[in-house]
């Protein structure tokens, strides 16, 4: 089962409570790096993928 798709991060966070809680739980540094890519973050799945990739960059 896939995740619903939205037009970008702002819409995703507005309409998907799980995505909002996930995003709010991320370190501020990760959130700040995801925000500029907002248009391409159109699902919870992509949000998690971006967060994971950015987390690996920090190690």
N, C-alpha and C. Protein backbone atom coordinates (compact mmCIF):
# COMPACT_ATOMS: atom_id res chain seq x y z
N UNK A 1 0.85 -1.19 0.00
CA UNK A 1 0.00 0.00 0.00
C UNK A 1 0.88 1.24 0.00
N UNK A 2 0.66 2.16 -0.91
CA UNK A 2 1.47 3.37 -1.02
C UNK A 2 0.95 4.48 -0.12
N UNK A 3 1.75 5.50 -0.02
CA UNK A 3 1.38 6.67 0.76
C UNK A 3 0.66 7.66 -0.14
N UNK A 4 -0.32 8.42 0.40
CA UNK A 4 -0.96 9.46 -0.41
C UNK A 4 0.07 10.48 -0.88
N UNK A 5 -0.16 11.07 -2.05
CA UNK A 5 0.76 12.06 -2.61
C UNK A 5 0.13 13.45 -2.49
N UNK A 6 0.99 14.42 -2.20
CA UNK A 6 0.57 15.81 -2.06
C UNK A 6 1.43 16.68 -2.98
N UNK A 7 1.13 17.97 -3.04
CA UNK A 7 1.87 18.85 -3.95
C UNK A 7 3.23 19.26 -3.39
N UNK A 8 3.48 18.97 -2.15
CA UNK A 8 4.76 19.31 -1.55
C UNK A 8 4.71 19.17 -0.05
N UNK A 9 5.80 19.55 0.59
CA UNK A 9 5.94 19.38 2.04
C UNK A 9 4.86 20.12 2.83
N UNK A 10 4.58 21.36 2.47
CA UNK A 10 3.60 22.14 3.22
C UNK A 10 2.23 21.46 3.22
N UNK A 11 1.79 21.01 2.06
CA UNK A 11 0.49 20.34 1.97
C UNK A 11 0.52 19.00 2.70
N UNK A 12 1.62 18.28 2.56
CA UNK A 12 1.77 17.00 3.27
C UNK A 12 1.61 17.20 4.77
N UNK A 13 2.33 18.17 5.32
CA UNK A 13 2.27 18.39 6.77
C UNK A 13 0.91 18.91 7.21
N UNK A 14 0.23 19.64 6.35
CA UNK A 14 -1.09 20.17 6.68
C UNK A 14 -2.14 19.07 6.73
N UNK A 15 -2.03 18.06 5.86
CA UNK A 15 -3.09 17.08 5.73
C UNK A 15 -2.76 15.69 6.29
N UNK A 16 -1.51 15.44 6.64
CA UNK A 16 -1.11 14.11 7.11
C UNK A 16 -0.52 14.24 8.50
N UNK A 17 -1.32 13.88 9.50
CA UNK A 17 -0.90 14.02 10.89
C UNK A 17 0.34 13.18 11.21
N UNK A 18 0.42 11.99 10.65
CA UNK A 18 1.59 11.14 10.88
C UNK A 18 2.87 11.81 10.35
N UNK A 19 2.77 12.40 9.16
CA UNK A 19 3.92 13.10 8.58
C UNK A 19 4.32 14.29 9.43
N UNK A 20 3.33 15.02 9.94
CA UNK A 20 3.61 16.18 10.78
C UNK A 20 4.35 15.76 12.04
N UNK A 21 3.88 14.71 12.70
CA UNK A 21 4.54 14.23 13.92
C UNK A 21 5.95 13.73 13.62
N UNK A 22 6.11 13.05 12.51
CA UNK A 22 7.44 12.57 12.12
C UNK A 22 8.38 13.76 11.89
N UNK A 23 7.92 14.75 11.11
CA UNK A 23 8.73 15.93 10.80
C UNK A 23 9.10 16.69 12.06
N UNK A 24 8.14 16.89 12.96
CA UNK A 24 8.39 17.62 14.20
C UNK A 24 9.38 16.89 15.11
N UNK A 25 9.48 15.57 14.95
CA UNK A 25 10.40 14.79 15.76
C UNK A 25 11.83 14.77 15.23
N UNK A 26 12.03 15.33 14.06
CA UNK A 26 13.37 15.36 13.47
C UNK A 26 14.20 16.47 14.10
N UNK A 27 15.52 16.29 14.15
CA UNK A 27 16.37 17.40 14.62
C UNK A 27 16.19 18.62 13.71
N UNK A 28 16.32 19.80 14.30
CA UNK A 28 16.12 21.03 13.54
C UNK A 28 17.04 21.09 12.33
N UNK A 29 18.27 20.62 12.46
CA UNK A 29 19.21 20.64 11.34
C UNK A 29 18.66 19.84 10.15
N UNK A 30 18.06 18.70 10.43
CA UNK A 30 17.50 17.86 9.36
C UNK A 30 16.29 18.54 8.74
N UNK A 31 15.43 19.11 9.58
CA UNK A 31 14.25 19.83 9.07
C UNK A 31 14.68 20.98 8.16
N UNK A 32 15.72 21.71 8.59
CA UNK A 32 16.19 22.85 7.79
C UNK A 32 16.75 22.40 6.44
N UNK A 33 17.28 21.20 6.38
CA UNK A 33 17.84 20.71 5.12
C UNK A 33 16.76 20.11 4.21
N UNK A 34 15.66 19.65 4.80
CA UNK A 34 14.55 19.10 4.02
C UNK A 34 13.70 20.22 3.42
N UNK A 35 13.48 21.29 4.17
CA UNK A 35 12.57 22.36 3.75
C UNK A 35 12.84 22.90 2.35
N UNK A 36 14.09 23.17 1.96
CA UNK A 36 14.31 23.69 0.60
C UNK A 36 13.93 22.71 -0.51
N UNK A 37 13.83 21.44 -0.17
CA UNK A 37 13.44 20.42 -1.16
C UNK A 37 11.93 20.15 -1.08
N UNK A 38 11.21 21.03 -0.43
CA UNK A 38 9.80 20.84 -0.13
C UNK A 38 8.91 20.42 -1.27
N UNK A 39 9.14 20.94 -2.45
CA UNK A 39 8.27 20.59 -3.59
C UNK A 39 8.38 19.12 -3.96
N UNK A 40 9.54 18.53 -3.71
CA UNK A 40 9.71 17.12 -4.09
C UNK A 40 9.35 16.16 -2.96
N UNK A 41 9.01 16.70 -1.79
CA UNK A 41 8.60 15.86 -0.66
C UNK A 41 7.08 15.80 -0.69
N UNK A 42 6.55 14.83 -1.47
CA UNK A 42 5.11 14.78 -1.71
C UNK A 42 4.40 13.62 -1.01
N UNK A 43 5.13 12.88 -0.16
CA UNK A 43 4.50 11.78 0.57
C UNK A 43 5.30 11.50 1.84
N UNK A 44 4.69 10.81 2.77
CA UNK A 44 5.38 10.41 4.00
C UNK A 44 6.58 9.54 3.66
N UNK A 45 6.43 8.69 2.68
CA UNK A 45 7.52 7.83 2.25
C UNK A 45 8.74 8.65 1.82
N UNK A 46 8.52 9.68 1.00
CA UNK A 46 9.64 10.53 0.56
C UNK A 46 10.23 11.32 1.71
N UNK A 47 9.38 11.77 2.63
CA UNK A 47 9.86 12.49 3.79
C UNK A 47 10.80 11.60 4.60
N UNK A 48 10.39 10.38 4.83
CA UNK A 48 11.23 9.43 5.58
C UNK A 48 12.52 9.13 4.83
N UNK A 49 12.43 8.99 3.51
CA UNK A 49 13.63 8.73 2.70
C UNK A 49 14.62 9.90 2.80
N UNK A 50 14.12 11.12 2.68
CA UNK A 50 14.99 12.29 2.79
C UNK A 50 15.63 12.35 4.17
N UNK A 51 14.84 12.14 5.21
CA UNK A 51 15.36 12.21 6.58
C UNK A 51 16.44 11.15 6.80
N UNK A 52 16.21 9.96 6.30
CA UNK A 52 17.19 8.89 6.45
C UNK A 52 18.48 9.23 5.72
N UNK A 53 18.36 9.72 4.50
CA UNK A 53 19.55 10.08 3.72
C UNK A 53 20.33 11.21 4.40
N UNK A 54 19.64 12.20 4.93
CA UNK A 54 20.31 13.31 5.60
C UNK A 54 20.94 12.85 6.90
N UNK A 55 20.32 11.92 7.58
CA UNK A 55 20.89 11.36 8.80
C UNK A 55 22.18 10.62 8.52
N UNK A 56 22.23 9.93 7.39
CA UNK A 56 23.44 9.22 7.02
C UNK A 56 24.54 10.19 6.64
N UNK A 57 24.17 11.34 6.06
CA UNK A 57 25.15 12.36 5.70
C UNK A 57 25.86 12.92 6.94
N UNK A 58 25.17 12.94 8.06
CA UNK A 58 25.72 13.52 9.27
C UNK A 58 26.69 12.60 9.99
N UNK A 59 26.72 11.34 9.63
CA UNK A 59 27.59 10.38 10.33
C UNK A 59 28.96 10.37 9.74
